């Protein structure tokens, strides 16, 4: 009987006690999923015309926004981005979008104070600056009736003394060629 017990311990019991612990296998390598291209829309953005007396529209790819405010943000951010040559922007360099929202048919666009401090002045330049923003939203968002421009979160009377900004503005076709 002792031989049987000793045989069992040597061939069955002992290997169980001293057997190496199973090593966790490494997780399978993660394969990267192909990047999903960002959804885009075609939007018409506005730049100073060749003669410098109006605005001309140029179609550009713009990020898709899930709701009117998000779409307005994408359009204005694209409008404020430095343009490709030969386009010239009417918005002073350095102007950034602080906030934008759409409510009750009007878009409220809050831009940085650079739109005033960097503005060259003059009635023509001010009209072009203001109507660049208005036309970009009115052309691309039919639900927007008017555009109210705010500067650093506040209502302003004007950018450079010529265009009344105390109420939402509508697209002015005389500025778009």
N, C-alpha and C. Protein backbone atom coordinates (compact mmCIF):
# COMPACT_ATOMS: atom_id res chain seq x y z
N UNK A 1 0.84 -1.17 0.00
CA UNK A 1 0.00 0.00 0.00
C UNK A 1 0.90 1.25 0.00
N UNK A 2 1.96 1.15 0.73
CA UNK A 2 2.85 2.27 0.80
C UNK A 2 3.43 2.58 -0.58
N UNK A 3 3.70 1.62 -1.34
CA UNK A 3 4.23 1.82 -2.67
C UNK A 3 3.21 2.54 -3.53
N UNK A 4 1.97 2.16 -3.36
CA UNK A 4 0.91 2.81 -4.12
C UNK A 4 0.79 4.29 -3.75
N UNK A 5 0.84 4.59 -2.47
CA UNK A 5 0.73 5.98 -2.01
C UNK A 5 1.93 6.78 -2.52
N UNK A 6 3.13 6.19 -2.40
CA UNK A 6 4.32 6.86 -2.86
C UNK A 6 4.29 7.08 -4.37
N UNK A 7 3.79 6.16 -5.12
CA UNK A 7 3.66 6.29 -6.56
C UNK A 7 2.67 7.40 -6.94
N UNK A 8 1.58 7.39 -6.20
CA UNK A 8 0.58 8.44 -6.48
C UNK A 8 1.15 9.83 -6.21
N UNK A 9 1.86 9.99 -5.07
CA UNK A 9 2.44 11.28 -4.71
C UNK A 9 3.47 11.70 -5.76
N UNK A 10 4.32 10.79 -6.22
CA UNK A 10 5.36 11.14 -7.18
C UNK A 10 4.81 11.46 -8.56
N UNK A 11 3.83 10.75 -9.01
CA UNK A 11 3.35 10.93 -10.39
C UNK A 11 2.11 11.80 -10.53
N UNK A 12 1.31 11.95 -9.47
CA UNK A 12 0.08 12.72 -9.59
C UNK A 12 0.09 13.93 -8.65
N UNK A 13 0.29 13.73 -7.37
CA UNK A 13 0.16 14.80 -6.37
C UNK A 13 1.26 15.83 -6.45
N UNK A 14 2.51 15.36 -6.49
CA UNK A 14 3.63 16.28 -6.49
C UNK A 14 3.64 17.19 -7.73
N UNK A 15 3.42 16.67 -8.92
CA UNK A 15 3.39 17.58 -10.07
C UNK A 15 2.33 18.67 -9.96
N UNK A 16 1.21 18.37 -9.31
CA UNK A 16 0.17 19.40 -9.13
C UNK A 16 0.65 20.51 -8.22
N UNK A 17 1.40 20.19 -7.16
CA UNK A 17 1.84 21.18 -6.18
C UNK A 17 2.98 22.05 -6.70
N UNK A 18 3.85 21.46 -7.50
CA UNK A 18 5.02 22.20 -7.95
C UNK A 18 4.93 22.64 -9.41
N UNK A 19 3.83 22.36 -10.03
CA UNK A 19 3.67 22.75 -11.44
C UNK A 19 3.69 24.27 -11.55
N UNK A 20 4.32 24.80 -12.59
CA UNK A 20 4.33 26.26 -12.73
C UNK A 20 2.91 26.79 -12.92
N UNK A 21 2.70 27.97 -12.36
CA UNK A 21 1.39 28.62 -12.49
C UNK A 21 1.19 29.01 -13.95
N UNK A 22 -0.03 28.90 -14.45
CA UNK A 22 -0.25 29.29 -15.84
C UNK A 22 0.00 30.79 -15.99
N UNK A 23 0.68 31.17 -17.04
CA UNK A 23 0.99 32.57 -17.33
C UNK A 23 -0.14 33.12 -18.20
N UNK A 24 -0.61 34.27 -17.79
CA UNK A 24 -1.66 34.90 -18.59
C UNK A 24 -1.09 35.25 -19.95
N UNK A 25 -1.80 34.90 -20.95
CA UNK A 25 -1.31 35.20 -22.30
C UNK A 25 -1.54 36.68 -22.60
N UNK A 26 -0.68 37.23 -23.41
CA UNK A 26 -0.80 38.64 -23.79
C UNK A 26 -2.08 38.82 -24.60
N UNK A 27 -2.73 39.97 -24.44
CA UNK A 27 -3.94 40.19 -25.22
C UNK A 27 -3.60 40.24 -26.70
N UNK A 28 -4.55 39.88 -27.51
CA UNK A 28 -4.25 39.92 -28.94
C UNK A 28 -3.97 41.36 -29.37
N UNK A 29 -3.12 41.54 -30.36
CA UNK A 29 -2.80 42.91 -30.78
C UNK A 29 -4.06 43.63 -31.25
N UNK A 30 -4.13 44.90 -30.90
CA UNK A 30 -5.27 45.72 -31.29
C UNK A 30 -5.02 46.23 -32.70
N UNK A 31 -5.96 45.99 -33.55
CA UNK A 31 -5.83 46.50 -34.90
C UNK A 31 -6.60 47.81 -34.99
N UNK A 32 -5.95 48.79 -35.51
CA UNK A 32 -6.59 50.11 -35.62
C UNK A 32 -7.68 50.06 -36.67
N UNK A 33 -8.82 50.61 -36.28
CA UNK A 33 -9.91 50.70 -37.25
C UNK A 33 -9.60 51.84 -38.19
N UNK A 34 -9.99 51.70 -39.43
CA UNK A 34 -9.72 52.81 -40.35
C UNK A 34 -10.43 54.08 -39.87
N UNK A 35 -9.76 55.19 -40.00
CA UNK A 35 -10.34 56.47 -39.58
C UNK A 35 -11.59 56.78 -40.40
N UNK A 36 -12.61 57.23 -39.70
CA UNK A 36 -13.84 57.61 -40.38
C UNK A 36 -13.67 59.06 -40.81
N UNK A 37 -13.81 59.33 -42.09
CA UNK A 37 -13.64 60.72 -42.53
C UNK A 37 -14.69 61.62 -41.89
N UNK A 38 -14.25 62.81 -41.52
CA UNK A 38 -15.15 63.77 -40.91
C UNK A 38 -16.21 64.17 -41.94
N UNK A 39 -17.45 64.22 -41.48
CA UNK A 39 -18.54 64.59 -42.37
C UNK A 39 -18.44 66.07 -42.72
N UNK A 40 -18.62 66.38 -43.98
CA UNK A 40 -18.48 67.76 -44.47
C UNK A 40 -19.74 68.17 -45.23
N UNK A 41 -19.91 69.48 -45.35
CA UNK A 41 -20.94 70.04 -46.22
C UNK A 41 -20.26 71.08 -47.11
N UNK A 42 -20.90 71.43 -48.20
CA UNK A 42 -20.43 72.54 -49.04
C UNK A 42 -21.08 73.80 -48.49
N UNK A 43 -20.28 74.79 -48.22
CA UNK A 43 -20.78 76.07 -47.74
C UNK A 43 -20.19 77.17 -48.59
N UNK A 44 -20.94 78.23 -48.75
CA UNK A 44 -20.45 79.39 -49.50
C UNK A 44 -19.90 80.39 -48.49
N UNK A 45 -18.60 80.69 -48.64
CA UNK A 45 -17.95 81.67 -47.79
C UNK A 45 -17.68 82.91 -48.64
N UNK A 46 -17.47 84.04 -47.98
CA UNK A 46 -17.40 85.31 -48.70
C UNK A 46 -16.08 86.04 -48.45
N UNK A 47 -15.53 86.55 -49.56
CA UNK A 47 -14.26 87.25 -49.54
C UNK A 47 -14.38 88.53 -50.36
N UNK A 48 -13.44 89.44 -50.17
CA UNK A 48 -13.46 90.71 -50.88
C UNK A 48 -13.30 90.43 -52.38
N UNK A 49 -14.16 91.07 -53.18
CA UNK A 49 -14.12 90.89 -54.65
C UNK A 49 -12.85 91.52 -55.21
N UNK A 50 -12.54 91.17 -56.45
CA UNK A 50 -11.33 91.68 -57.10
C UNK A 50 -11.27 93.20 -57.13
N UNK A 51 -12.43 93.85 -57.35
CA UNK A 51 -12.42 95.31 -57.42
C UNK A 51 -12.42 95.96 -56.03
N UNK A 52 -12.56 95.15 -54.96
CA UNK A 52 -12.51 95.67 -53.59
C UNK A 52 -13.76 96.38 -53.13
N UNK A 53 -14.84 96.33 -53.95
CA UNK A 53 -16.06 97.07 -53.60
C UNK A 53 -17.23 96.17 -53.25
N UNK A 54 -16.99 94.91 -53.05
CA UNK A 54 -18.07 93.99 -52.73
C UNK A 54 -17.49 92.67 -52.24
N UNK A 55 -18.37 91.69 -52.12
CA UNK A 55 -17.98 90.36 -51.68
C UNK A 55 -18.28 89.36 -52.78
N UNK A 56 -17.46 88.36 -52.86
CA UNK A 56 -17.69 87.28 -53.82
C UNK A 56 -17.74 85.96 -53.05
N UNK A 57 -18.65 85.08 -53.45
CA UNK A 57 -18.81 83.81 -52.77
C UNK A 57 -17.92 82.73 -53.35
N UNK A 58 -17.38 81.89 -52.47
CA UNK A 58 -16.54 80.77 -52.85
C UNK A 58 -17.03 79.54 -52.08
N UNK A 59 -17.28 78.44 -52.81
CA UNK A 59 -17.72 77.22 -52.15
C UNK A 59 -16.54 76.51 -51.51
N UNK A 60 -16.72 76.11 -50.25
CA UNK A 60 -15.69 75.41 -49.48
C UNK A 60 -16.32 74.24 -48.73
N UNK A 61 -15.50 73.23 -48.44
CA UNK A 61 -15.93 72.15 -47.56
C UNK A 61 -15.82 72.65 -46.13
N UNK A 62 -16.89 72.43 -45.36
CA UNK A 62 -16.96 72.88 -43.98
C UNK A 62 -17.45 71.69 -43.15
N UNK A 63 -16.97 71.58 -41.93
CA UNK A 63 -17.41 70.50 -41.05
C UNK A 63 -18.93 70.55 -40.88
N UNK A 64 -19.53 69.38 -40.80
CA UNK A 64 -20.97 69.25 -40.60
C UNK A 64 -21.29 69.52 -39.14
N UNK A 65 -22.35 70.28 -38.89
CA UNK A 65 -22.83 70.53 -37.54
C UNK A 65 -24.15 69.82 -37.32
N UNK A 66 -24.31 69.18 -36.18
CA UNK A 66 -25.49 68.37 -35.90
C UNK A 66 -26.76 69.19 -35.69
N UNK A 67 -26.62 70.47 -35.35
CA UNK A 67 -27.79 71.33 -35.15
C UNK A 67 -27.45 72.71 -35.71
N UNK A 68 -28.42 73.61 -35.81
CA UNK A 68 -28.14 74.92 -36.42
C UNK A 68 -27.01 75.70 -35.75
N UNK A 69 -26.93 75.65 -34.42
CA UNK A 69 -25.85 76.38 -33.74
C UNK A 69 -24.49 75.78 -34.06
N UNK A 70 -24.41 74.45 -34.07
CA UNK A 70 -23.14 73.79 -34.40
C UNK A 70 -22.75 74.05 -35.85
N UNK A 71 -23.74 74.08 -36.74
CA UNK A 71 -23.44 74.37 -38.14
C UNK A 71 -23.01 75.82 -38.31
N UNK A 72 -23.66 76.73 -37.59
CA UNK A 72 -23.26 78.14 -37.63
C UNK A 72 -21.83 78.30 -37.15
N UNK A 73 -21.47 77.58 -36.09
CA UNK A 73 -20.09 77.64 -35.56
C UNK A 73 -19.10 77.19 -36.63
N UNK A 74 -19.38 76.06 -37.27
CA UNK A 74 -18.46 75.54 -38.29
C UNK A 74 -18.31 76.52 -39.46
N UNK A 75 -19.40 77.14 -39.86
CA UNK A 75 -19.36 78.10 -40.97
C UNK A 75 -18.54 79.33 -40.59
N UNK A 76 -18.79 79.90 -39.42
CA UNK A 76 -18.07 81.11 -39.01
C UNK A 76 -16.59 80.80 -38.76
N UNK A 77 -16.29 79.65 -38.17
CA UNK A 77 -14.88 79.29 -37.98
C UNK A 77 -14.17 79.18 -39.33
N UNK A 78 -14.84 78.58 -40.31
CA UNK A 78 -14.24 78.48 -41.65
C UNK A 78 -14.10 79.87 -42.27
N UNK A 79 -15.08 80.73 -42.05
CA UNK A 79 -15.02 82.09 -42.61
C UNK A 79 -13.88 82.89 -41.99
N UNK A 80 -13.61 82.68 -40.72
CA UNK A 80 -12.56 83.42 -40.02
C UNK A 80 -11.16 82.86 -40.27
N UNK A 81 -11.07 81.65 -40.79
CA UNK A 81 -9.77 81.04 -41.07
C UNK A 81 -9.09 81.82 -42.20
N UNK A 82 -7.77 81.88 -42.18
CA UNK A 82 -7.07 82.57 -43.28
C UNK A 82 -7.44 81.94 -44.62
N UNK A 83 -7.79 82.77 -45.60
CA UNK A 83 -8.23 82.22 -46.88
C UNK A 83 -7.06 81.77 -47.75
N UNK A 84 -7.37 80.91 -48.70
CA UNK A 84 -6.38 80.51 -49.71
C UNK A 84 -6.24 81.67 -50.70
N UNK A 85 -5.02 81.83 -51.21
CA UNK A 85 -4.80 82.84 -52.26
C UNK A 85 -5.62 82.44 -53.47
N UNK A 86 -6.20 83.32 -54.19
CA UNK A 86 -6.04 84.78 -54.15
C UNK A 86 -7.11 85.47 -53.31
N UNK A 87 -7.92 84.72 -52.55
CA UNK A 87 -8.98 85.37 -51.76
C UNK A 87 -8.38 86.27 -50.67
N UNK A 88 -9.12 87.35 -50.38
CA UNK A 88 -8.75 88.30 -49.33
C UNK A 88 -9.94 88.43 -48.42
N UNK A 89 -9.70 88.29 -47.12
CA UNK A 89 -10.79 88.40 -46.15
C UNK A 89 -11.04 89.85 -45.76
N UNK A 90 -12.29 90.15 -45.46
CA UNK A 90 -12.65 91.48 -44.98
C UNK A 90 -12.63 91.55 -43.46
N UNK A 91 -12.42 90.40 -42.81
CA UNK A 91 -12.41 90.33 -41.35
C UNK A 91 -10.96 90.49 -40.88
N UNK A 92 -10.71 91.39 -39.93
CA UNK A 92 -9.34 91.61 -39.47
C UNK A 92 -8.66 90.33 -38.98
N UNK A 93 -7.40 90.19 -39.34
CA UNK A 93 -6.60 89.04 -38.91
C UNK A 93 -6.59 88.95 -37.39
N UNK A 94 -6.68 87.75 -36.89
CA UNK A 94 -6.67 87.52 -35.44
C UNK A 94 -8.05 87.45 -34.83
N UNK A 95 -9.08 87.83 -35.58
CA UNK A 95 -10.45 87.75 -35.05
C UNK A 95 -10.80 86.28 -34.86
N UNK A 96 -11.29 85.95 -33.68
CA UNK A 96 -11.68 84.57 -33.38
C UNK A 96 -13.14 84.53 -32.95
N UNK A 97 -13.72 83.36 -33.11
CA UNK A 97 -15.10 83.15 -32.69
C UNK A 97 -15.10 82.74 -31.23
N UNK A 98 -15.83 83.47 -30.42
CA UNK A 98 -15.96 83.14 -29.00
C UNK A 98 -17.16 82.23 -28.78
N UNK A 99 -18.28 82.54 -29.43
CA UNK A 99 -19.49 81.74 -29.27
C UNK A 99 -20.44 82.06 -30.41
N UNK A 100 -21.34 81.14 -30.66
CA UNK A 100 -22.39 81.37 -31.64
C UNK A 100 -23.58 80.51 -31.24
N UNK A 101 -24.76 81.07 -31.37
CA UNK A 101 -25.96 80.26 -31.15
C UNK A 101 -27.08 80.81 -32.01
N UNK A 102 -28.03 79.93 -32.28
CA UNK A 102 -29.19 80.28 -33.09
C UNK A 102 -30.42 80.13 -32.21
N UNK A 103 -31.23 81.19 -32.16
CA UNK A 103 -32.45 81.15 -31.35
C UNK A 103 -33.50 82.04 -32.00
N UNK A 104 -34.71 81.56 -32.07
CA UNK A 104 -35.85 82.33 -32.59
C UNK A 104 -35.57 82.91 -33.97
N UNK A 105 -34.86 82.16 -34.80
CA UNK A 105 -34.61 82.59 -36.17
C UNK A 105 -33.43 83.53 -36.35
N UNK A 106 -32.78 83.92 -35.27
CA UNK A 106 -31.61 84.81 -35.37
C UNK A 106 -30.36 84.08 -34.91
N UNK A 107 -29.25 84.40 -35.55
CA UNK A 107 -27.95 83.88 -35.14
C UNK A 107 -27.23 84.98 -34.37
N UNK A 108 -26.63 84.61 -33.26
CA UNK A 108 -25.86 85.54 -32.45
C UNK A 108 -24.40 85.09 -32.52
N UNK A 109 -23.56 85.96 -33.07
CA UNK A 109 -22.16 85.64 -33.32
C UNK A 109 -21.32 86.53 -32.41
N UNK A 110 -20.61 85.90 -31.47
CA UNK A 110 -19.75 86.63 -30.54
C UNK A 110 -18.31 86.43 -30.98
N UNK A 111 -17.67 87.51 -31.42
CA UNK A 111 -16.29 87.45 -31.89
C UNK A 111 -15.38 88.23 -30.94
N UNK A 112 -14.09 87.97 -31.07
CA UNK A 112 -13.10 88.64 -30.22
C UNK A 112 -12.98 90.12 -30.59
N UNK A 113 -12.45 90.89 -29.65
CA UNK A 113 -12.28 92.32 -29.85
C UNK A 113 -11.31 92.67 -30.97
N UNK A 114 -10.58 91.68 -31.49
CA UNK A 114 -9.67 91.93 -32.61
C UNK A 114 -10.42 92.45 -33.83
N UNK A 115 -11.71 92.18 -33.91
CA UNK A 115 -12.49 92.66 -35.05
C UNK A 115 -12.58 94.19 -35.03
N UNK A 116 -12.45 94.78 -33.84
CA UNK A 116 -12.47 96.25 -33.71
C UNK A 116 -11.04 96.80 -33.71
N UNK A 117 -10.18 96.22 -32.87
CA UNK A 117 -8.82 96.78 -32.75
C UNK A 117 -8.01 96.60 -34.03
N UNK A 118 -8.29 95.54 -34.80
CA UNK A 118 -7.56 95.32 -36.04
C UNK A 118 -8.23 95.89 -37.26
N UNK A 119 -9.38 96.56 -37.07
CA UNK A 119 -10.14 97.05 -38.22
C UNK A 119 -9.48 98.29 -38.81
N UNK A 120 -9.36 98.33 -40.16
CA UNK A 120 -8.72 99.49 -40.79
C UNK A 120 -9.60 100.73 -40.82
N UNK A 121 -10.89 100.60 -40.50
CA UNK A 121 -11.79 101.75 -40.51
C UNK A 121 -12.35 102.01 -41.90
N UNK A 122 -13.19 103.01 -41.99
CA UNK A 122 -13.83 103.36 -43.25
C UNK A 122 -15.15 102.64 -43.41
N UNK A 123 -16.10 103.34 -44.03
CA UNK A 123 -17.44 102.77 -44.17
C UNK A 123 -17.45 101.55 -45.08
N UNK A 124 -16.71 101.57 -46.18
CA UNK A 124 -16.68 100.43 -47.08
C UNK A 124 -16.10 99.20 -46.39
N UNK A 125 -14.97 99.36 -45.73
CA UNK A 125 -14.35 98.23 -45.03
C UNK A 125 -15.26 97.67 -43.94
N UNK A 126 -15.95 98.55 -43.23
CA UNK A 126 -16.84 98.08 -42.17
C UNK A 126 -18.02 97.32 -42.76
N UNK A 127 -18.59 97.83 -43.83
CA UNK A 127 -19.71 97.13 -44.49
C UNK A 127 -19.25 95.74 -44.94
N UNK A 128 -18.07 95.66 -45.55
CA UNK A 128 -17.57 94.37 -46.03
C UNK A 128 -17.35 93.40 -44.88
N UNK A 129 -16.79 93.88 -43.79
CA UNK A 129 -16.55 93.03 -42.62
C UNK A 129 -17.87 92.48 -42.07
N UNK A 130 -18.81 93.36 -41.83
CA UNK A 130 -20.09 92.96 -41.25
C UNK A 130 -20.83 92.01 -42.18
N UNK A 131 -20.91 92.35 -43.45
CA UNK A 131 -21.71 91.54 -44.37
C UNK A 131 -21.01 90.24 -44.78
N UNK A 132 -19.71 90.12 -44.51
CA UNK A 132 -19.04 88.83 -44.69
C UNK A 132 -19.67 87.82 -43.72
N UNK A 133 -19.81 88.21 -42.46
CA UNK A 133 -20.38 87.31 -41.45
C UNK A 133 -21.86 87.07 -41.69
N UNK A 134 -22.59 88.14 -42.01
CA UNK A 134 -24.03 88.02 -42.24
C UNK A 134 -24.30 87.11 -43.45
N UNK A 135 -23.62 87.37 -44.55
CA UNK A 135 -23.85 86.58 -45.77
C UNK A 135 -23.48 85.11 -45.58
N UNK A 136 -22.40 84.85 -44.84
CA UNK A 136 -21.99 83.46 -44.62
C UNK A 136 -23.09 82.67 -43.92
N UNK A 137 -23.73 83.27 -42.93
CA UNK A 137 -24.79 82.55 -42.21
C UNK A 137 -26.11 82.55 -42.97
N UNK A 138 -26.49 83.69 -43.51
CA UNK A 138 -27.78 83.77 -44.21
C UNK A 138 -27.81 82.90 -45.47
N UNK A 139 -26.70 82.80 -46.18
CA UNK A 139 -26.65 82.01 -47.40
C UNK A 139 -26.71 80.51 -47.10
N UNK A 140 -26.03 80.10 -46.04
CA UNK A 140 -25.89 78.67 -45.75
C UNK A 140 -26.91 78.11 -44.77
N UNK A 141 -27.58 78.97 -44.04
CA UNK A 141 -28.58 78.51 -43.06
C UNK A 141 -29.90 79.22 -43.31
N UNK A 142 -30.75 78.64 -44.15
CA UNK A 142 -32.01 79.31 -44.51
C UNK A 142 -32.91 79.62 -43.31
N UNK A 143 -32.74 78.89 -42.21
CA UNK A 143 -33.58 79.14 -41.03
C UNK A 143 -33.17 80.41 -40.29
N UNK A 144 -32.02 80.97 -40.64
CA UNK A 144 -31.55 82.19 -39.97
C UNK A 144 -32.12 83.40 -40.70
N UNK A 145 -32.87 84.21 -39.94
CA UNK A 145 -33.46 85.43 -40.51
C UNK A 145 -32.54 86.63 -40.38
N UNK A 146 -31.82 86.72 -39.26
CA UNK A 146 -30.95 87.85 -39.01
C UNK A 146 -29.72 87.41 -38.25
N UNK A 147 -28.69 88.26 -38.27
CA UNK A 147 -27.43 87.95 -37.59
C UNK A 147 -27.07 89.12 -36.68
N UNK A 148 -26.95 88.83 -35.40
CA UNK A 148 -26.55 89.83 -34.41
C UNK A 148 -25.08 89.60 -34.09
N UNK A 149 -24.26 90.64 -34.30
CA UNK A 149 -22.83 90.54 -34.03
C UNK A 149 -22.55 91.12 -32.65
N UNK A 150 -21.89 90.32 -31.82
CA UNK A 150 -21.46 90.73 -30.49
C UNK A 150 -19.93 90.74 -30.48
N UNK A 151 -19.35 91.58 -29.64
CA UNK A 151 -17.89 91.65 -29.52
C UNK A 151 -17.52 91.43 -28.06
N UNK A 152 -16.69 90.44 -27.82
CA UNK A 152 -16.28 90.06 -26.46
C UNK A 152 -17.48 89.89 -25.53
N UNK A 153 -18.54 89.27 -26.05
CA UNK A 153 -19.71 88.95 -25.25
C UNK A 153 -20.67 90.09 -25.02
N UNK A 154 -20.45 91.23 -25.68
CA UNK A 154 -21.31 92.39 -25.44
C UNK A 154 -21.86 92.93 -26.75
N UNK A 155 -23.03 93.55 -26.64
CA UNK A 155 -23.57 94.25 -27.79
C UNK A 155 -22.72 95.49 -28.02
N UNK A 156 -22.49 95.82 -29.27
CA UNK A 156 -21.75 97.03 -29.62
C UNK A 156 -22.60 97.84 -30.59
N UNK A 157 -22.42 99.15 -30.59
CA UNK A 157 -23.17 100.00 -31.50
C UNK A 157 -22.67 99.82 -32.94
N UNK A 158 -21.34 99.66 -33.09
CA UNK A 158 -20.73 99.62 -34.41
C UNK A 158 -19.31 99.05 -34.27
N UNK A 159 -18.70 98.68 -35.38
CA UNK A 159 -17.30 98.25 -35.35
C UNK A 159 -16.36 99.43 -35.55
N UNK A 160 -16.73 100.30 -36.48
CA UNK A 160 -15.84 101.42 -36.82
C UNK A 160 -16.62 102.71 -37.07
N UNK A 161 -17.85 102.79 -36.55
CA UNK A 161 -18.60 104.03 -36.63
C UNK A 161 -19.60 104.17 -37.76
N UNK A 162 -19.82 103.11 -38.56
CA UNK A 162 -20.67 103.29 -39.74
C UNK A 162 -21.87 102.35 -39.83
N UNK A 163 -21.75 101.12 -39.36
CA UNK A 163 -22.84 100.14 -39.49
C UNK A 163 -23.45 99.91 -38.11
N UNK A 164 -24.74 100.14 -38.00
CA UNK A 164 -25.47 99.98 -36.74
C UNK A 164 -25.62 98.49 -36.43
N UNK A 165 -24.99 98.06 -35.34
CA UNK A 165 -25.03 96.64 -34.94
C UNK A 165 -25.92 96.39 -33.73
N UNK A 166 -26.80 97.32 -33.41
CA UNK A 166 -27.64 97.18 -32.23
C UNK A 166 -28.81 96.22 -32.41
N UNK A 167 -28.98 95.71 -33.62
CA UNK A 167 -30.06 94.74 -33.87
C UNK A 167 -29.58 93.76 -34.93
N UNK A 168 -30.24 92.60 -35.03
CA UNK A 168 -29.82 91.62 -36.05
C UNK A 168 -29.90 92.21 -37.46
N UNK A 169 -28.91 91.87 -38.27
CA UNK A 169 -28.84 92.34 -39.65
C UNK A 169 -29.28 91.24 -40.60
N UNK A 170 -29.83 91.65 -41.72
CA UNK A 170 -30.22 90.70 -42.76
C UNK A 170 -29.22 90.81 -43.91
N UNK A 171 -29.19 89.79 -44.73
CA UNK A 171 -28.28 89.78 -45.88
C UNK A 171 -28.58 90.97 -46.78
N UNK A 172 -27.55 91.64 -47.22
CA UNK A 172 -27.69 92.78 -48.10
C UNK A 172 -27.12 92.42 -49.46
N UNK A 173 -27.98 92.12 -50.44
CA UNK A 173 -27.50 91.64 -51.74
C UNK A 173 -26.64 92.66 -52.49
N UNK A 174 -26.68 93.92 -52.12
CA UNK A 174 -25.87 94.91 -52.82
C UNK A 174 -24.37 94.69 -52.57
N UNK A 175 -24.02 93.99 -51.48
CA UNK A 175 -22.62 93.76 -51.18
C UNK A 175 -22.09 92.49 -51.78
N UNK A 176 -22.95 91.60 -52.21
CA UNK A 176 -22.51 90.31 -52.77
C UNK A 176 -22.59 90.36 -54.28
N UNK A 177 -21.45 90.12 -54.93
CA UNK A 177 -21.40 90.17 -56.39
C UNK A 177 -21.57 88.79 -56.97
